[in-house]
Amino acid sequence: MKRLSILIPVVLLLVNGCKRDGCNKPFAFNYDPQGTSEVNCVWEPMQLNIDYKVMYGDEEVNLRASQEFVTEDGRTISFEYFGMYLSEIALFEGVNKTILENDVMLLLDTNKVFTSLYLPTDNIDSIAFNIGINTERNDTLDPTTITEGPLAPQSPNMYWGWTTGYIFTSIRGIVDTSAAADGSGNAVFEYHIGLNDLLRTVTLGTAPTRTQNKLNYTIQVDLQKILENIDFKSELSTHTFDNLQVATKIADNCQHAFTAN
């Protein structure tokens, strides 16, 4: 009995010691919420998930549902199509930038989840991406020769059929165009934004959360902000080259339409 009473405290001491020495870095593969040390942390590639939500103000947009929204000047508006290229998706750890291996996504109503692998440390503090395709690829890729993936031909087209390059953002729908915004007249609006000079970069100073062995972001893009200050009585269309002023306005709005939580 005496020998047993000596062994029990020793075992308890070892167990408690292991708990104190557990990994205390949340993004480590073997993170222990009760850990107090980083000495035993193991860093392995983790799956990064980005869930995108397309919003109009506070309401989520679902193109498969019959939805009407109200513009900032009181007009009814509905959406038929939304597509946006996001490229060079990257995470920052301080000043160190890592572009993810699968760095291009075509954000659609039917495609709102991006996944890739990432080898983290415990200092991820922001995420960044381009709205559009970076200049080198935009100038050299021929979409008609690509057989799969986000850069392959889409329906509707997300590249120019009469010049090189991709359509960075495409939005189409119906809006009340009446002078008094009284619902007396509806028309189709269509905005195709492209051109290297209209590439915009978004940086969101937010760290991911962790669920099991996955890193997670939820990012919202607000169509109301993208269409901010658009005059729906006269600015109903741009294919960039034919109405650069409206295209530039929308490209600038896109840069400020994303939030992360």
Protein backbone atom coordinates (compact mmCIF):
# COMPACT_ATOMS: atom_id res chain seq x y z
CA MET A 1 0.00 0.00 0.00
CA LYS A 2 2.83 2.33 0.75
CA ARG A 3 4.43 1.76 -2.63
CA LEU A 4 1.09 2.38 -4.40
CA SER A 5 0.61 5.66 -2.58
CA ILE A 6 3.96 6.83 -3.90
CA LEU A 7 3.24 5.84 -7.51
CA ILE A 8 -0.10 7.64 -7.78
CA PRO A 9 1.29 11.17 -7.26
CA VAL A 10 4.05 10.43 -9.77
CA VAL A 11 1.53 9.38 -12.44
CA LEU A 12 -0.62 12.43 -11.77
CA LEU A 13 2.43 14.65 -12.01
CA LEU A 14 3.32 13.18 -15.40
CA VAL A 15 -0.23 13.64 -16.73
CA ASN A 16 -0.39 17.22 -15.53
CA GLY A 17 3.05 17.87 -16.95
CA CYS A 18 1.92 16.61 -20.38
CA LYS A 19 -1.07 18.94 -20.28
CA ARG A 20 1.09 21.90 -19.44
CA ASP A 21 3.47 21.02 -22.29
CA GLY A 22 0.67 20.71 -24.88
CA CYS A 23 0.77 22.86 -28.00
CA ASN A 24 -0.83 26.26 -27.38
CA LYS A 25 -0.81 27.56 -30.99
CA PRO A 26 -4.37 27.51 -32.39
CA PHE A 27 -3.34 26.91 -36.02
CA ALA A 28 -0.95 24.05 -35.24
CA PHE A 29 -1.98 20.55 -36.31
CA ASN A 30 -1.86 19.25 -32.71
CA TYR A 31 -3.33 22.30 -30.96
CA ASP A 32 -4.35 21.66 -27.36
CA PRO A 33 -6.75 24.25 -25.89
CA GLN A 34 -5.22 23.53 -22.48
CA GLY A 35 -1.64 23.65 -23.72
CA THR A 36 0.88 26.19 -22.50
CA SER A 37 3.90 25.62 -24.75
CA GLU A 38 4.78 25.83 -28.44
CA VAL A 39 7.77 23.49 -28.16
CA ASN A 40 5.78 20.41 -29.17
CA CYS A 41 3.68 22.08 -31.88
CA VAL A 42 3.45 20.23 -35.19
CA TRP A 43 2.90 22.30 -38.34
CA GLU A 44 1.29 20.41 -41.20
CA PRO A 45 -0.70 21.52 -44.25
CA MET A 46 -4.31 22.28 -43.38
CA GLN A 47 -7.34 22.70 -45.61
CA LEU A 48 -8.38 26.31 -46.03
CA ASN A 49 -12.09 26.87 -46.67
CA ILE A 50 -13.49 30.21 -47.83
CA ASP A 51 -17.28 30.43 -47.83
CA TYR A 52 -18.51 33.38 -49.86
CA LYS A 53 -21.93 34.93 -49.37
CA VAL A 54 -23.39 37.18 -52.06
CA MET A 55 -25.53 39.79 -50.35
CA TYR A 56 -27.73 42.75 -51.17
CA GLY A 57 -27.43 44.80 -48.02
CA ASP A 58 -28.44 42.50 -45.18
CA GLU A 59 -30.17 39.89 -47.36
CA GLU A 60 -28.44 36.96 -49.04
CA VAL A 61 -28.94 36.74 -52.80
CA ASN A 62 -30.20 33.49 -54.29
CA LEU A 63 -30.59 33.60 -58.07
CA ARG A 64 -32.73 30.48 -57.99
CA ALA A 65 -35.36 32.28 -55.92
CA SER A 66 -37.67 35.09 -56.92
CA GLN A 67 -36.20 38.05 -55.08
CA GLU A 68 -36.65 41.78 -55.37
CA PHE A 69 -34.57 44.36 -53.55
CA VAL A 70 -34.74 48.13 -53.18
CA THR A 71 -31.94 50.41 -54.37
CA GLU A 72 -30.60 53.36 -52.40
CA ASP A 73 -32.94 55.67 -54.34
CA GLY A 74 -36.05 53.51 -53.87
CA ARG A 75 -36.11 51.42 -57.06
CA THR A 76 -36.97 47.74 -57.24
CA ILE A 77 -34.13 45.62 -58.56
CA SER A 78 -33.62 41.92 -59.18
CA PHE A 79 -30.66 39.86 -60.38
CA GLU A 80 -30.42 37.23 -63.10
CA TYR A 81 -26.66 36.58 -63.15
CA PHE A 82 -23.59 37.33 -61.09
CA GLY A 83 -20.02 36.18 -61.84
CA MET A 84 -16.71 37.46 -60.50
CA TYR A 85 -13.15 36.24 -60.93
CA LEU A 86 -10.96 36.26 -57.82
CA SER A 87 -7.26 35.55 -58.40
CA GLU A 88 -3.96 35.42 -56.53
CA ILE A 89 -5.83 34.48 -53.37
CA ALA A 90 -3.21 34.82 -50.63
CA LEU A 91 -2.74 34.77 -46.88
CA PHE A 92 -0.48 37.15 -44.99
CA GLU A 93 1.54 36.39 -41.88
CA GLY A 94 2.85 39.83 -41.07
CA VAL A 95 4.64 41.03 -44.20
CA ASN A 96 5.02 37.50 -45.58
CA LYS A 97 2.58 36.76 -48.39
CA THR A 98 1.75 33.25 -49.57
CA ILE A 99 -0.30 32.87 -52.76
CA LEU A 100 -2.34 29.69 -52.50
CA GLU A 101 -1.66 26.86 -54.92
CA ASN A 102 -5.17 26.97 -56.39
CA ASP A 103 -5.32 30.73 -56.52
CA VAL A 104 -8.20 31.41 -58.96
CA MET A 105 -11.91 31.17 -58.24
CA LEU A 106 -14.94 32.05 -60.33
CA LEU A 107 -17.51 33.20 -57.78
CA LEU A 108 -21.00 32.28 -58.98
CA ASP A 109 -24.38 31.70 -57.44
CA THR A 110 -23.64 27.99 -57.90
CA ASN A 111 -20.01 28.17 -56.75
CA LYS A 112 -19.42 29.95 -53.46
CA VAL A 113 -16.84 27.75 -51.74
CA PHE A 114 -13.07 27.91 -52.30
CA THR A 115 -10.68 25.30 -50.88
CA SER A 116 -6.91 24.95 -50.92
CA LEU A 117 -4.09 23.63 -48.74
CA TYR A 118 -1.99 25.94 -46.60
CA LEU A 119 0.96 25.37 -44.26
CA PRO A 120 0.23 27.84 -41.47
CA THR A 121 2.14 29.31 -38.60
CA ASP A 122 0.27 31.07 -35.82
CA ASN A 123 0.51 34.56 -37.30
CA ILE A 124 -2.09 34.67 -40.10
CA ASP A 125 -3.53 38.16 -39.89
CA SER A 126 -5.12 38.92 -43.27
CA ILE A 127 -6.33 37.57 -46.58
CA ALA A 128 -5.99 39.27 -49.98
CA PHE A 129 -7.12 38.64 -53.56
CA ASN A 130 -7.52 40.36 -56.88
CA ILE A 131 -10.90 41.09 -58.40
CA GLY A 132 -10.13 39.94 -61.92
CA ILE A 133 -7.34 37.97 -63.55
CA ASN A 134 -3.78 39.17 -63.02
CA THR A 135 -2.26 40.88 -66.05
CA GLU A 136 0.16 38.14 -67.15
CA ARG A 137 -2.53 35.49 -67.40
CA ASN A 138 -5.14 37.90 -68.71
CA ASP A 139 -2.90 38.86 -71.65
CA THR A 140 -1.65 35.40 -72.56
CA LEU A 141 -4.31 32.78 -71.81
CA ASP A 142 -6.69 31.66 -74.52
CA PRO A 143 -9.81 30.45 -72.67
CA THR A 144 -10.93 28.39 -75.66
CA THR A 145 -7.89 26.11 -75.22
CA ILE A 146 -8.52 25.42 -71.51
CA THR A 147 -10.61 22.32 -70.88
CA GLU A 148 -11.44 22.53 -67.18
CA GLY A 149 -11.34 24.74 -64.11
CA PRO A 150 -12.47 28.33 -63.52
CA LEU A 151 -10.50 29.72 -66.48
CA ALA A 152 -12.16 27.40 -69.00
CA PRO A 153 -15.10 28.64 -71.13
CA GLN A 154 -18.23 29.41 -69.15
CA SER A 155 -21.90 29.89 -69.97
CA PRO A 156 -22.60 32.80 -70.05
CA ASN A 157 -19.14 33.77 -71.31
CA MET A 158 -16.71 35.23 -68.78
CA TYR A 159 -14.18 36.31 -71.44
CA TRP A 160 -14.35 38.75 -74.32
CA GLY A 161 -15.28 37.14 -77.61
CA TRP A 162 -13.77 39.90 -79.72
CA THR A 163 -10.54 40.71 -77.86
CA THR A 164 -8.14 39.07 -75.42
CA GLY A 165 -8.78 38.83 -71.72
CA TYR A 166 -11.42 37.81 -69.23
CA ILE A 167 -14.52 39.57 -67.96
CA PHE A 168 -13.63 40.27 -64.34
CA THR A 169 -17.16 40.96 -63.09
CA SER A 170 -20.48 40.31 -64.81
CA ILE A 171 -23.84 41.42 -63.38
CA ARG A 172 -27.21 41.29 -65.09
CA GLY A 173 -30.74 41.95 -63.90
CA ILE A 174 -33.85 44.09 -64.10
CA VAL A 175 -34.36 47.49 -62.48
CA ASP A 176 -37.05 50.15 -62.34
CA THR A 177 -35.82 52.96 -64.59
CA SER A 178 -38.73 55.37 -64.16
CA ALA A 179 -37.81 58.96 -63.37
CA ALA A 180 -39.84 58.93 -60.16
CA ALA A 181 -38.82 55.38 -59.15
CA ASP A 182 -42.52 54.54 -59.01
CA GLY A 183 -42.37 51.17 -60.77
CA SER A 184 -43.78 52.46 -64.04
CA GLY A 185 -40.88 51.22 -66.16
CA ASN A 186 -38.46 48.27 -65.94
CA ALA A 187 -35.39 47.59 -68.06
CA VAL A 188 -32.52 45.13 -68.24
CA PHE A 189 -29.15 46.26 -66.89
CA GLU A 190 -25.89 44.51 -67.79
CA TYR A 191 -22.37 45.32 -66.61
CA HIS A 192 -19.26 43.56 -67.94
CA ILE A 193 -16.10 44.79 -66.24
CA GLY A 194 -12.67 43.84 -67.55
CA LEU A 195 -9.39 45.39 -68.78
CA ASN A 196 -6.05 45.19 -66.94
CA ASP A 197 -6.33 48.74 -65.62
CA LEU A 198 -9.52 47.78 -63.81
CA LEU A 199 -7.91 44.98 -61.79
CA ARG A 200 -8.51 45.74 -58.12
CA THR A 201 -7.03 44.19 -54.97
CA VAL A 202 -8.93 43.52 -51.75
CA THR A 203 -7.15 43.05 -48.41
CA LEU A 204 -9.15 42.01 -45.36
CA GLY A 205 -7.35 42.25 -42.04
CA THR A 206 -8.95 39.19 -40.51
CA ALA A 207 -7.48 35.91 -39.28
CA PRO A 208 -9.22 32.63 -40.09
CA THR A 209 -11.03 30.55 -37.53
CA ARG A 210 -10.26 26.91 -36.96
CA THR A 211 -12.66 23.96 -37.01
CA GLN A 212 -10.94 20.64 -36.29
CA ASN A 213 -8.01 20.61 -38.75
CA LYS A 214 -9.41 23.22 -41.14
CA LEU A 215 -8.93 26.96 -41.44
CA ASN A 216 -12.11 28.85 -42.26
CA TYR A 217 -13.13 32.24 -43.62
CA THR A 218 -16.61 33.57 -44.28
CA ILE A 219 -16.48 36.47 -46.74
CA GLN A 220 -19.41 38.56 -47.90
CA VAL A 221 -19.68 40.57 -51.11
CA ASP A 222 -22.45 43.17 -51.23
CA LEU A 223 -24.11 43.82 -54.62
CA GLN A 224 -25.68 46.97 -53.21
CA LYS A 225 -22.22 48.41 -52.61
CA ILE A 226 -21.02 47.27 -56.05
CA LEU A 227 -23.85 49.25 -57.66
CA GLU A 228 -23.51 52.26 -55.38
CA ASN A 229 -23.96 55.63 -57.15
CA ILE A 230 -25.11 54.00 -60.39
CA ASP A 231 -27.77 56.10 -62.12
CA PHE A 232 -30.33 53.51 -63.17
CA LYS A 233 -32.13 56.04 -65.35
CA SER A 234 -29.18 56.27 -67.74
CA GLU A 235 -26.29 53.95 -66.71
CA LEU A 236 -27.80 50.60 -67.64
CA SER A 237 -24.94 49.03 -69.55
CA THR A 238 -21.22 48.84 -69.89
CA HIS A 239 -18.97 46.39 -71.68
CA THR A 240 -16.01 48.38 -70.35
CA PHE A 241 -14.71 49.60 -73.69
CA ASP A 242 -17.96 51.32 -74.65
CA ASN A 243 -18.57 53.00 -71.28
CA LEU A 244 -15.32 53.13 -69.34
CA GLN A 245 -16.64 55.66 -66.83
CA VAL A 246 -19.33 53.31 -65.52
CA ALA A 247 -16.97 50.31 -65.66
CA THR A 248 -14.40 52.18 -63.57
CA LYS A 249 -17.05 53.20 -61.06
CA ILE A 250 -18.17 49.59 -60.61
CA ALA A 251 -14.57 48.29 -60.40
CA ASP A 252 -13.83 50.81 -57.65
CA ASN A 253 -17.04 49.87 -55.84
CA CYS A 254 -16.11 46.17 -55.99
CA GLN A 255 -12.94 46.85 -54.07
CA HIS A 256 -14.98 48.11 -51.09
CA ALA A 257 -17.81 45.58 -51.27
CA PHE A 258 -16.10 42.73 -49.37
CA THR A 259 -16.13 42.06 -45.64
CA ALA A 260 -14.94 39.09 -43.59
CA ASN A 261 -16.24 37.73 -40.32
